[in-house]
N, C-alpha and C. Protein backbone atom coordinates (compact mmCIF):
# COMPACT_ATOMS: atom_id res chain seq x y z
N MET A 1 172.04 -130.20 -64.19
CA MET A 1 173.06 -131.22 -64.10
C MET A 1 172.53 -132.37 -63.23
N SER A 2 172.71 -133.59 -63.71
CA SER A 2 172.21 -134.78 -63.02
C SER A 2 173.32 -135.48 -62.27
N ASN A 3 173.05 -135.85 -61.02
CA ASN A 3 174.00 -136.56 -60.16
C ASN A 3 173.30 -137.70 -59.46
N SER A 4 174.10 -138.61 -58.95
CA SER A 4 173.56 -139.70 -58.15
C SER A 4 174.18 -139.62 -56.77
N LYS A 5 173.35 -139.74 -55.74
CA LYS A 5 173.84 -139.69 -54.37
C LYS A 5 173.48 -141.00 -53.69
N SER A 6 174.46 -141.61 -53.07
CA SER A 6 174.26 -142.87 -52.39
C SER A 6 174.27 -142.64 -50.87
N MET A 7 173.44 -143.40 -50.16
CA MET A 7 173.36 -143.30 -48.71
C MET A 7 173.59 -144.69 -48.12
N SER A 8 174.50 -144.78 -47.17
CA SER A 8 174.75 -146.05 -46.50
C SER A 8 173.65 -146.29 -45.46
N ILE A 9 173.63 -147.50 -44.92
CA ILE A 9 172.66 -147.82 -43.87
C ILE A 9 172.93 -146.92 -42.66
N GLU A 10 174.18 -146.69 -42.35
CA GLU A 10 174.52 -145.81 -41.23
C GLU A 10 173.96 -144.40 -41.45
N GLU A 11 174.15 -143.86 -42.64
CA GLU A 11 173.61 -142.53 -42.95
C GLU A 11 172.09 -142.52 -42.91
N PHE A 12 171.47 -143.60 -43.38
CA PHE A 12 170.01 -143.71 -43.35
C PHE A 12 169.51 -143.67 -41.91
N VAL A 13 170.16 -144.40 -41.03
CA VAL A 13 169.76 -144.40 -39.62
C VAL A 13 169.91 -143.00 -39.04
N GLU A 14 171.04 -142.34 -39.31
CA GLU A 14 171.29 -141.00 -38.77
C GLU A 14 170.33 -139.95 -39.34
N LYS A 15 170.23 -139.90 -40.66
CA LYS A 15 169.49 -138.82 -41.32
C LYS A 15 167.98 -139.04 -41.39
N ILE A 16 167.57 -140.27 -41.62
CA ILE A 16 166.14 -140.54 -41.80
C ILE A 16 165.50 -141.01 -40.49
N LEU A 17 166.01 -142.10 -39.93
CA LEU A 17 165.37 -142.66 -38.75
C LEU A 17 165.48 -141.75 -37.53
N ILE A 18 166.63 -141.14 -37.33
CA ILE A 18 166.78 -140.28 -36.15
C ILE A 18 166.32 -138.84 -36.46
N LYS A 19 166.96 -138.22 -37.43
CA LYS A 19 166.74 -136.78 -37.66
C LYS A 19 165.35 -136.48 -38.23
N GLU A 20 164.99 -137.11 -39.34
CA GLU A 20 163.73 -136.74 -40.00
C GLU A 20 162.50 -137.17 -39.20
N ILE A 21 162.53 -138.36 -38.61
CA ILE A 21 161.39 -138.76 -37.79
C ILE A 21 161.30 -137.84 -36.57
N GLY A 22 162.44 -137.45 -36.00
CA GLY A 22 162.45 -136.51 -34.89
C GLY A 22 161.84 -135.16 -35.26
N GLU A 23 162.07 -134.74 -36.49
CA GLU A 23 161.54 -133.45 -36.94
C GLU A 23 160.02 -133.46 -37.15
N ILE A 24 159.46 -134.62 -37.47
CA ILE A 24 158.01 -134.65 -37.75
C ILE A 24 157.15 -135.16 -36.60
N LYS A 25 157.77 -135.73 -35.56
CA LYS A 25 156.98 -136.40 -34.53
C LYS A 25 155.98 -135.49 -33.82
N ASP A 26 156.34 -134.25 -33.56
CA ASP A 26 155.42 -133.35 -32.85
C ASP A 26 154.30 -132.85 -33.76
N LYS A 27 154.63 -132.61 -35.00
CA LYS A 27 153.64 -132.08 -35.93
C LYS A 27 152.73 -133.17 -36.51
N HIS A 28 153.28 -134.37 -36.69
CA HIS A 28 152.53 -135.48 -37.29
C HIS A 28 152.73 -136.77 -36.48
N PRO A 29 152.19 -136.84 -35.28
CA PRO A 29 152.44 -138.01 -34.42
C PRO A 29 151.93 -139.31 -35.02
N TYR A 30 150.85 -139.26 -35.76
CA TYR A 30 150.29 -140.46 -36.38
C TYR A 30 151.31 -141.04 -37.37
N LEU A 31 151.85 -140.17 -38.23
CA LEU A 31 152.86 -140.62 -39.20
C LEU A 31 154.13 -141.07 -38.49
N ALA A 32 154.54 -140.32 -37.48
CA ALA A 32 155.76 -140.67 -36.75
C ALA A 32 155.64 -142.06 -36.13
N CYS A 33 154.49 -142.37 -35.57
CA CYS A 33 154.30 -143.68 -34.94
C CYS A 33 154.42 -144.80 -35.98
N MET A 34 153.84 -144.60 -37.15
CA MET A 34 153.96 -145.60 -38.22
C MET A 34 155.41 -145.74 -38.66
N LEU A 35 156.10 -144.61 -38.82
CA LEU A 35 157.49 -144.65 -39.26
C LEU A 35 158.39 -145.28 -38.20
N ILE A 36 158.14 -144.98 -36.94
CA ILE A 36 158.94 -145.58 -35.87
C ILE A 36 158.74 -147.09 -35.85
N SER A 37 157.50 -147.54 -36.00
CA SER A 37 157.26 -148.99 -35.98
C SER A 37 157.96 -149.67 -37.16
N SER A 38 157.97 -149.03 -38.31
CA SER A 38 158.73 -149.58 -39.45
C SER A 38 160.23 -149.50 -39.18
N GLY A 39 160.66 -148.44 -38.53
CA GLY A 39 162.06 -148.28 -38.18
C GLY A 39 162.54 -149.34 -37.20
N ILE A 40 161.67 -149.73 -36.27
CA ILE A 40 162.03 -150.80 -35.33
C ILE A 40 162.27 -152.09 -36.11
N GLU A 41 161.41 -152.38 -37.06
CA GLU A 41 161.62 -153.57 -37.89
C GLU A 41 162.94 -153.46 -38.65
N PHE A 42 163.23 -152.28 -39.17
CA PHE A 42 164.47 -152.05 -39.91
C PHE A 42 165.69 -152.34 -39.03
N LEU A 43 165.65 -151.89 -37.78
CA LEU A 43 166.76 -152.16 -36.85
C LEU A 43 166.95 -153.66 -36.67
N GLY A 44 165.85 -154.38 -36.52
CA GLY A 44 165.94 -155.83 -36.38
C GLY A 44 166.49 -156.49 -37.63
N THR A 45 166.06 -156.00 -38.78
CA THR A 45 166.54 -156.54 -40.06
C THR A 45 168.03 -156.31 -40.22
N THR A 46 168.49 -155.16 -39.77
CA THR A 46 169.91 -154.83 -39.88
C THR A 46 170.77 -155.79 -39.07
N LEU A 47 170.28 -156.18 -37.89
CA LEU A 47 171.06 -157.07 -37.04
C LEU A 47 170.77 -158.55 -37.28
N TYR A 48 169.59 -158.84 -37.78
CA TYR A 48 169.16 -160.23 -37.93
C TYR A 48 168.61 -160.42 -39.34
N PRO A 49 169.48 -160.30 -40.33
CA PRO A 49 168.99 -160.40 -41.71
C PRO A 49 168.46 -161.80 -42.03
N MET A 50 167.34 -161.81 -42.71
CA MET A 50 166.70 -163.07 -43.08
C MET A 50 167.13 -163.44 -44.50
N ASN A 51 167.62 -164.64 -44.67
CA ASN A 51 168.05 -165.09 -45.99
C ASN A 51 166.91 -165.64 -46.83
N SER A 52 165.81 -165.95 -46.20
CA SER A 52 164.69 -166.56 -46.90
C SER A 52 163.63 -165.52 -47.23
N LYS A 53 163.09 -165.61 -48.43
CA LYS A 53 162.00 -164.72 -48.82
C LYS A 53 160.67 -165.48 -48.82
N GLU A 54 160.65 -166.67 -48.22
CA GLU A 54 159.45 -167.52 -48.26
C GLU A 54 158.22 -166.84 -47.69
N ASP A 55 158.34 -166.28 -46.52
CA ASP A 55 157.20 -165.64 -45.88
C ASP A 55 157.66 -164.31 -45.32
N GLU A 56 157.59 -163.26 -46.14
CA GLU A 56 158.11 -161.97 -45.73
C GLU A 56 157.35 -161.38 -44.55
N ASN A 57 156.07 -161.71 -44.38
CA ASN A 57 155.33 -161.23 -43.22
C ASN A 57 155.90 -161.84 -41.94
N LEU A 58 156.26 -163.11 -42.01
CA LEU A 58 156.86 -163.77 -40.86
C LEU A 58 158.21 -163.14 -40.54
N ASN A 59 159.00 -162.85 -41.58
CA ASN A 59 160.28 -162.19 -41.38
C ASN A 59 160.08 -160.83 -40.72
N SER A 60 159.08 -160.11 -41.13
CA SER A 60 158.78 -158.80 -40.57
C SER A 60 158.57 -158.91 -39.06
N LYS A 61 157.76 -159.85 -38.66
CA LYS A 61 157.46 -160.05 -37.24
C LYS A 61 158.72 -160.47 -36.47
N LYS A 62 159.50 -161.39 -37.04
CA LYS A 62 160.73 -161.84 -36.39
C LYS A 62 161.72 -160.68 -36.23
N ASN A 63 161.88 -159.90 -37.28
CA ASN A 63 162.82 -158.78 -37.24
C ASN A 63 162.38 -157.72 -36.23
N PHE A 64 161.08 -157.44 -36.18
CA PHE A 64 160.54 -156.47 -35.24
C PHE A 64 160.79 -156.95 -33.82
N ARG A 65 160.43 -158.19 -33.54
CA ARG A 65 160.61 -158.74 -32.19
C ARG A 65 162.08 -158.85 -31.80
N TYR A 66 162.93 -159.14 -32.78
CA TYR A 66 164.36 -159.21 -32.51
C TYR A 66 164.89 -157.85 -32.06
N ALA A 67 164.43 -156.78 -32.71
CA ALA A 67 164.85 -155.43 -32.32
C ALA A 67 164.38 -155.11 -30.90
N LEU A 68 163.15 -155.51 -30.57
CA LEU A 68 162.65 -155.25 -29.21
C LEU A 68 163.48 -155.99 -28.17
N LYS A 69 163.93 -157.17 -28.53
CA LYS A 69 164.73 -157.98 -27.61
C LYS A 69 166.17 -157.48 -27.52
N LYS A 70 166.74 -157.08 -28.64
CA LYS A 70 168.16 -156.73 -28.72
C LYS A 70 168.49 -155.35 -28.14
N PHE A 71 167.62 -154.38 -28.34
CA PHE A 71 167.90 -153.01 -27.93
C PHE A 71 167.21 -152.70 -26.61
N PHE A 72 168.00 -152.42 -25.59
CA PHE A 72 167.48 -152.20 -24.25
C PHE A 72 166.35 -151.15 -24.20
N PRO A 73 166.48 -149.99 -24.85
CA PRO A 73 165.41 -148.99 -24.74
C PRO A 73 164.06 -149.48 -25.27
N LEU A 74 164.06 -150.49 -26.13
CA LEU A 74 162.81 -150.99 -26.72
C LEU A 74 162.24 -152.21 -26.00
N GLN A 75 162.99 -152.78 -25.08
CA GLN A 75 162.57 -154.02 -24.44
C GLN A 75 161.24 -153.90 -23.70
N LYS A 76 160.95 -152.73 -23.16
CA LYS A 76 159.70 -152.55 -22.41
C LYS A 76 158.46 -152.69 -23.29
N TYR A 77 158.62 -152.59 -24.61
CA TYR A 77 157.48 -152.70 -25.52
C TYR A 77 157.16 -154.14 -25.92
N ALA A 78 158.04 -155.07 -25.59
CA ALA A 78 157.83 -156.47 -25.96
C ALA A 78 156.59 -157.05 -25.28
N GLU A 79 156.31 -156.62 -24.07
CA GLU A 79 155.20 -157.18 -23.30
C GLU A 79 153.82 -156.73 -23.78
N ILE A 80 153.75 -155.65 -24.53
CA ILE A 80 152.44 -155.13 -24.95
C ILE A 80 152.10 -155.49 -26.39
N ASN A 81 152.86 -156.40 -26.99
CA ASN A 81 152.63 -156.83 -28.36
C ASN A 81 152.54 -155.64 -29.32
N LEU A 82 153.56 -154.80 -29.26
CA LEU A 82 153.63 -153.60 -30.09
C LEU A 82 153.54 -153.93 -31.57
N TYR A 83 154.10 -155.04 -31.97
CA TYR A 83 154.06 -155.42 -33.38
C TYR A 83 152.62 -155.54 -33.87
N GLN A 84 151.82 -156.30 -33.17
CA GLN A 84 150.44 -156.51 -33.60
C GLN A 84 149.59 -155.26 -33.44
N ARG A 85 149.79 -154.55 -32.36
CA ARG A 85 148.92 -153.42 -32.05
C ARG A 85 149.29 -152.15 -32.81
N ILE A 86 150.56 -151.95 -33.07
CA ILE A 86 150.99 -150.71 -33.73
C ILE A 86 151.45 -150.98 -35.16
N LYS A 87 152.40 -151.87 -35.33
CA LYS A 87 152.97 -152.11 -36.66
C LYS A 87 151.95 -152.65 -37.64
N CYS A 88 151.22 -153.70 -37.25
CA CYS A 88 150.26 -154.32 -38.17
C CYS A 88 148.86 -153.75 -38.04
N GLY A 89 148.43 -153.54 -36.83
CA GLY A 89 147.05 -153.13 -36.63
C GLY A 89 146.86 -151.65 -36.40
N PHE A 90 147.83 -150.85 -36.81
CA PHE A 90 147.81 -149.43 -36.50
C PHE A 90 146.54 -148.73 -36.99
N CYS A 91 146.26 -148.82 -38.26
CA CYS A 91 145.09 -148.11 -38.80
C CYS A 91 143.81 -148.64 -38.21
N ASP A 92 143.68 -149.94 -38.13
CA ASP A 92 142.47 -150.55 -37.59
C ASP A 92 142.29 -150.16 -36.12
N ALA A 93 143.37 -150.20 -35.37
CA ALA A 93 143.29 -149.88 -33.94
C ALA A 93 142.88 -148.43 -33.73
N MET A 94 143.39 -147.53 -34.54
CA MET A 94 143.07 -146.13 -34.37
C MET A 94 141.63 -145.84 -34.80
N ILE A 95 141.20 -146.46 -35.88
CA ILE A 95 139.83 -146.25 -36.36
C ILE A 95 138.83 -146.80 -35.36
N ASN A 96 139.11 -147.97 -34.80
CA ASN A 96 138.21 -148.60 -33.85
C ASN A 96 138.43 -148.11 -32.41
N ASN A 97 139.36 -147.17 -32.25
CA ASN A 97 139.64 -146.56 -30.95
C ASN A 97 139.97 -147.59 -29.87
N GLU A 98 140.69 -148.64 -30.25
CA GLU A 98 141.08 -149.66 -29.28
C GLU A 98 142.25 -149.21 -28.42
N ASP A 99 143.17 -148.44 -29.00
CA ASP A 99 144.35 -147.99 -28.29
C ASP A 99 144.49 -146.48 -28.48
N ASN A 100 145.38 -145.88 -27.71
CA ASN A 100 145.56 -144.43 -27.75
C ASN A 100 146.98 -144.07 -28.16
N ILE A 101 147.10 -142.98 -28.91
CA ILE A 101 148.39 -142.39 -29.19
C ILE A 101 148.32 -140.97 -28.64
N VAL A 102 149.27 -140.61 -27.80
CA VAL A 102 149.25 -139.30 -27.18
C VAL A 102 150.59 -138.60 -27.38
N LEU A 103 150.57 -137.30 -27.20
CA LEU A 103 151.77 -136.51 -27.41
C LEU A 103 152.51 -136.15 -26.13
N SER A 104 151.83 -136.15 -25.01
CA SER A 104 152.48 -135.66 -23.80
C SER A 104 152.41 -136.67 -22.68
N ASN A 105 153.31 -136.53 -21.73
CA ASN A 105 153.31 -137.40 -20.56
C ASN A 105 152.06 -137.20 -19.72
N ILE A 106 151.58 -135.96 -19.65
CA ILE A 106 150.38 -135.67 -18.87
C ILE A 106 149.17 -136.39 -19.45
N ALA A 107 149.03 -136.34 -20.77
CA ALA A 107 147.92 -137.05 -21.42
C ALA A 107 148.04 -138.55 -21.20
N ALA A 108 149.23 -139.07 -21.26
CA ALA A 108 149.44 -140.51 -21.05
C ALA A 108 149.05 -140.91 -19.63
N GLN A 109 149.43 -140.10 -18.64
CA GLN A 109 149.08 -140.40 -17.25
C GLN A 109 147.56 -140.37 -17.05
N LYS A 110 146.88 -139.40 -17.65
CA LYS A 110 145.42 -139.31 -17.53
C LYS A 110 144.77 -140.55 -18.14
N LEU A 111 145.23 -140.95 -19.31
CA LEU A 111 144.66 -142.12 -19.97
C LEU A 111 144.96 -143.39 -19.20
N ASP A 112 146.19 -143.54 -18.70
CA ASP A 112 146.54 -144.74 -17.93
C ASP A 112 145.67 -144.88 -16.69
N ALA A 113 145.36 -143.78 -16.05
CA ALA A 113 144.55 -143.82 -14.83
C ALA A 113 143.11 -144.24 -15.12
N ASN A 114 142.62 -143.94 -16.32
CA ASN A 114 141.22 -144.21 -16.65
C ASN A 114 141.01 -145.36 -17.63
N SER A 115 142.08 -146.01 -18.06
CA SER A 115 141.94 -147.01 -19.12
C SER A 115 141.65 -148.41 -18.57
N LYS A 116 141.12 -149.23 -19.47
CA LYS A 116 140.89 -150.64 -19.16
C LYS A 116 142.24 -151.37 -19.24
N ASN A 117 142.31 -152.53 -18.65
CA ASN A 117 143.57 -153.29 -18.64
C ASN A 117 144.03 -153.71 -20.02
N ASP A 118 143.11 -153.93 -20.95
CA ASP A 118 143.50 -154.41 -22.28
C ASP A 118 143.79 -153.27 -23.25
N LYS A 119 143.70 -152.05 -22.80
CA LYS A 119 143.94 -150.90 -23.66
C LYS A 119 145.34 -150.36 -23.39
N ILE A 120 146.06 -150.02 -24.44
CA ILE A 120 147.40 -149.47 -24.25
C ILE A 120 147.43 -148.01 -24.67
N THR A 121 148.34 -147.29 -24.08
CA THR A 121 148.57 -145.89 -24.43
C THR A 121 150.01 -145.77 -24.87
N VAL A 122 150.22 -145.26 -26.06
CA VAL A 122 151.56 -145.08 -26.59
C VAL A 122 151.85 -143.58 -26.63
N ASN A 123 152.83 -143.17 -25.87
CA ASN A 123 153.27 -141.78 -25.88
C ASN A 123 154.30 -141.65 -26.99
N VAL A 124 153.97 -140.91 -28.03
CA VAL A 124 154.85 -140.82 -29.20
C VAL A 124 156.21 -140.23 -28.84
N ASN A 125 156.24 -139.26 -27.95
CA ASN A 125 157.52 -138.67 -27.55
C ASN A 125 158.41 -139.70 -26.86
N GLU A 126 157.81 -140.48 -25.98
CA GLU A 126 158.57 -141.52 -25.28
C GLU A 126 159.00 -142.63 -26.24
N LEU A 127 158.10 -143.04 -27.13
CA LEU A 127 158.42 -144.06 -28.12
C LEU A 127 159.57 -143.59 -29.01
N TYR A 128 159.51 -142.34 -29.46
CA TYR A 128 160.57 -141.80 -30.30
C TYR A 128 161.90 -141.75 -29.53
N SER A 129 161.85 -141.30 -28.30
CA SER A 129 163.06 -141.21 -27.49
C SER A 129 163.71 -142.59 -27.34
N ASP A 130 162.90 -143.60 -27.07
CA ASP A 130 163.42 -144.97 -26.94
C ASP A 130 163.95 -145.49 -28.28
N PHE A 131 163.24 -145.18 -29.35
CA PHE A 131 163.66 -145.59 -30.69
C PHE A 131 164.98 -144.92 -31.06
N LYS A 132 165.10 -143.64 -30.78
CA LYS A 132 166.33 -142.90 -31.07
C LYS A 132 167.51 -143.51 -30.32
N GLU A 133 167.30 -143.84 -29.04
CA GLU A 133 168.35 -144.49 -28.25
C GLU A 133 168.75 -145.83 -28.87
N ALA A 134 167.78 -146.58 -29.36
CA ALA A 134 168.07 -147.87 -30.00
C ALA A 134 168.89 -147.66 -31.28
N CYS A 135 168.52 -146.64 -32.05
CA CYS A 135 169.29 -146.32 -33.27
C CYS A 135 170.73 -145.96 -32.91
N GLU A 136 170.89 -145.14 -31.89
CA GLU A 136 172.23 -144.75 -31.45
C GLU A 136 173.01 -145.94 -30.93
N GLU A 137 172.32 -146.86 -30.28
CA GLU A 137 172.96 -148.09 -29.80
C GLU A 137 173.48 -148.91 -30.99
N LEU A 138 172.69 -149.01 -32.04
CA LEU A 138 173.13 -149.72 -33.25
C LEU A 138 174.38 -149.06 -33.83
N LEU A 139 174.37 -147.74 -33.93
CA LEU A 139 175.52 -147.04 -34.50
C LEU A 139 176.78 -147.24 -33.66
N LYS A 140 176.64 -147.33 -32.34
CA LYS A 140 177.79 -147.56 -31.46
C LYS A 140 178.35 -148.97 -31.64
N MET A 141 177.52 -149.91 -32.06
CA MET A 141 177.96 -151.30 -32.22
C MET A 141 179.04 -151.45 -33.28
N LYS A 142 179.12 -150.51 -34.20
CA LYS A 142 180.12 -150.64 -35.27
C LYS A 142 181.54 -150.58 -34.72
N GLY A 143 181.70 -149.96 -33.55
CA GLY A 143 183.01 -149.90 -32.93
C GLY A 143 183.49 -151.23 -32.35
N SER A 144 182.55 -152.12 -32.09
CA SER A 144 182.93 -153.39 -31.46
C SER A 144 182.69 -154.61 -32.34
N SER A 145 182.17 -154.40 -33.55
CA SER A 145 181.87 -155.54 -34.42
C SER A 145 182.18 -155.21 -35.87
N SER A 146 183.09 -155.98 -36.45
CA SER A 146 183.42 -155.75 -37.87
C SER A 146 182.23 -156.10 -38.77
N GLU A 147 181.42 -157.08 -38.34
CA GLU A 147 180.24 -157.45 -39.12
C GLU A 147 179.23 -156.29 -39.15
N ILE A 148 178.98 -155.68 -38.00
CA ILE A 148 178.06 -154.55 -37.94
C ILE A 148 178.64 -153.36 -38.72
N ARG A 149 179.94 -153.13 -38.60
CA ARG A 149 180.59 -152.05 -39.35
C ARG A 149 180.39 -152.25 -40.85
N LYS A 150 180.51 -153.49 -41.32
CA LYS A 150 180.32 -153.80 -42.74
C LYS A 150 178.87 -153.56 -43.15
N ILE A 151 177.93 -154.02 -42.31
CA ILE A 151 176.50 -153.83 -42.61
C ILE A 151 176.17 -152.35 -42.68
N LEU A 152 176.63 -151.57 -41.70
CA LEU A 152 176.31 -150.14 -41.66
C LEU A 152 176.91 -149.36 -42.83
N SER A 153 178.01 -149.84 -43.37
CA SER A 153 178.64 -149.14 -44.49
C SER A 153 178.05 -149.53 -45.84
N THR A 154 177.16 -150.53 -45.84
CA THR A 154 176.54 -150.99 -47.08
C THR A 154 175.69 -149.89 -47.69
N SER A 155 175.81 -149.72 -49.00
CA SER A 155 174.97 -148.75 -49.72
C SER A 155 173.52 -149.22 -49.66
N PHE A 156 172.65 -148.36 -49.21
CA PHE A 156 171.25 -148.74 -49.00
C PHE A 156 170.30 -147.97 -49.91
N LEU A 157 170.56 -146.71 -50.11
CA LEU A 157 169.64 -145.86 -50.84
C LEU A 157 170.42 -145.03 -51.84
N GLU A 158 169.98 -145.05 -53.08
CA GLU A 158 170.63 -144.25 -54.11
C GLU A 158 169.59 -143.33 -54.71
N ILE A 159 169.90 -142.04 -54.69
CA ILE A 159 168.93 -141.05 -55.17
C ILE A 159 169.55 -140.28 -56.33
N GLU A 160 168.84 -140.22 -57.41
CA GLU A 160 169.25 -139.44 -58.57
C GLU A 160 168.79 -138.00 -58.33
N THR A 161 169.70 -137.06 -58.48
CA THR A 161 169.35 -135.65 -58.30
C THR A 161 169.58 -134.87 -59.59
N LYS A 162 168.76 -133.87 -59.76
CA LYS A 162 168.93 -132.97 -60.90
C LYS A 162 168.93 -131.56 -60.35
N ASP A 163 170.02 -130.85 -60.54
CA ASP A 163 170.20 -129.51 -59.99
C ASP A 163 169.97 -129.48 -58.48
N GLY A 164 170.45 -130.52 -57.79
CA GLY A 164 170.37 -130.59 -56.34
C GLY A 164 169.04 -131.04 -55.79
N VAL A 165 168.07 -131.37 -56.65
CA VAL A 165 166.74 -131.81 -56.21
C VAL A 165 166.56 -133.28 -56.57
N ALA A 166 166.07 -134.07 -55.61
CA ALA A 166 165.86 -135.50 -55.85
C ALA A 166 164.78 -135.71 -56.89
N THR A 167 165.03 -136.62 -57.81
CA THR A 167 164.03 -137.01 -58.79
C THR A 167 163.53 -138.39 -58.39
N SER A 168 162.34 -138.46 -57.85
CA SER A 168 161.84 -139.69 -57.23
C SER A 168 161.69 -140.85 -58.20
N ASP A 169 161.61 -140.59 -59.49
CA ASP A 169 161.43 -141.70 -60.43
C ASP A 169 162.69 -142.54 -60.59
N THR A 170 163.80 -142.11 -60.03
CA THR A 170 165.03 -142.89 -60.17
C THR A 170 165.66 -143.26 -58.83
N THR A 171 164.86 -143.28 -57.78
CA THR A 171 165.37 -143.68 -56.47
C THR A 171 165.47 -145.18 -56.40
N ILE A 172 166.60 -145.68 -55.91
CA ILE A 172 166.82 -147.13 -55.80
C ILE A 172 167.08 -147.44 -54.34
N ILE A 173 166.32 -148.39 -53.80
CA ILE A 173 166.54 -148.86 -52.44
C ILE A 173 167.03 -150.29 -52.52
N ASN A 174 168.21 -150.55 -51.97
CA ASN A 174 168.77 -151.89 -51.97
C ASN A 174 168.22 -152.65 -50.79
N CYS A 175 167.63 -153.82 -51.04
CA CYS A 175 167.09 -154.65 -49.97
C CYS A 175 168.23 -155.27 -49.17
N ILE A 176 167.98 -155.49 -47.89
CA ILE A 176 169.01 -156.06 -47.01
C ILE A 176 168.79 -157.55 -46.90
N TYR A 177 169.41 -158.30 -47.75
CA TYR A 177 169.42 -159.76 -47.64
C TYR A 177 170.87 -160.19 -47.73
N TYR A 178 171.34 -160.92 -46.75
CA TYR A 178 172.75 -161.32 -46.73
C TYR A 178 172.85 -162.80 -47.00
C-alpha cells in the first residue's frame, strides 16, 4: 500500500536536525559536522528567507551568518569564520589538515594548547550541543511570533512510502522562498 507523508519545517528541525544528527554525531563526526554546518544555514534561511535566486552562493553565506548572529549559542562561532572553514572549505581543510575536528573536550584542550593561532579546533560534541540549542530556540520562537509559527508549520518534505518504507524516487523537498 502506497502513502504520502508530509513533514513540516518544525518536524524537520525536531526529527532530522536535532534527533537524527544527534544520533550519528558520535559514530560519524565527519558527517555530523557537515550536516550541522548545513543545518546552521537552514536555520538562517528559515528566519531570513531570501527572495532572490540571483546568487545562491551569496544567499548561503548570508543565511549562515544570519543564523550565527541570531542564535545566541552559535554566536561564538562568528569570529572564527565557520562558514568558510567548515561549511565551504570542509573537505579541503580536512584533507590539507589545516583545521581539526575532535570528539572530546580533552582532545580539544590538548590541540588548543599546541596549535598555531591560525588553526581552529572544532569539538563536534560542543558544536552539536550549541546547534541543538539554536534549533530549540527557533522552535520556542513560534510562541511569540505568528510569522515564525506560519513558517514552522509550512510543509517542507513530502515522502512517498510503500508498506511503511520510504521510496526515495518520489521524495519532494519544498524550497523555502517567501
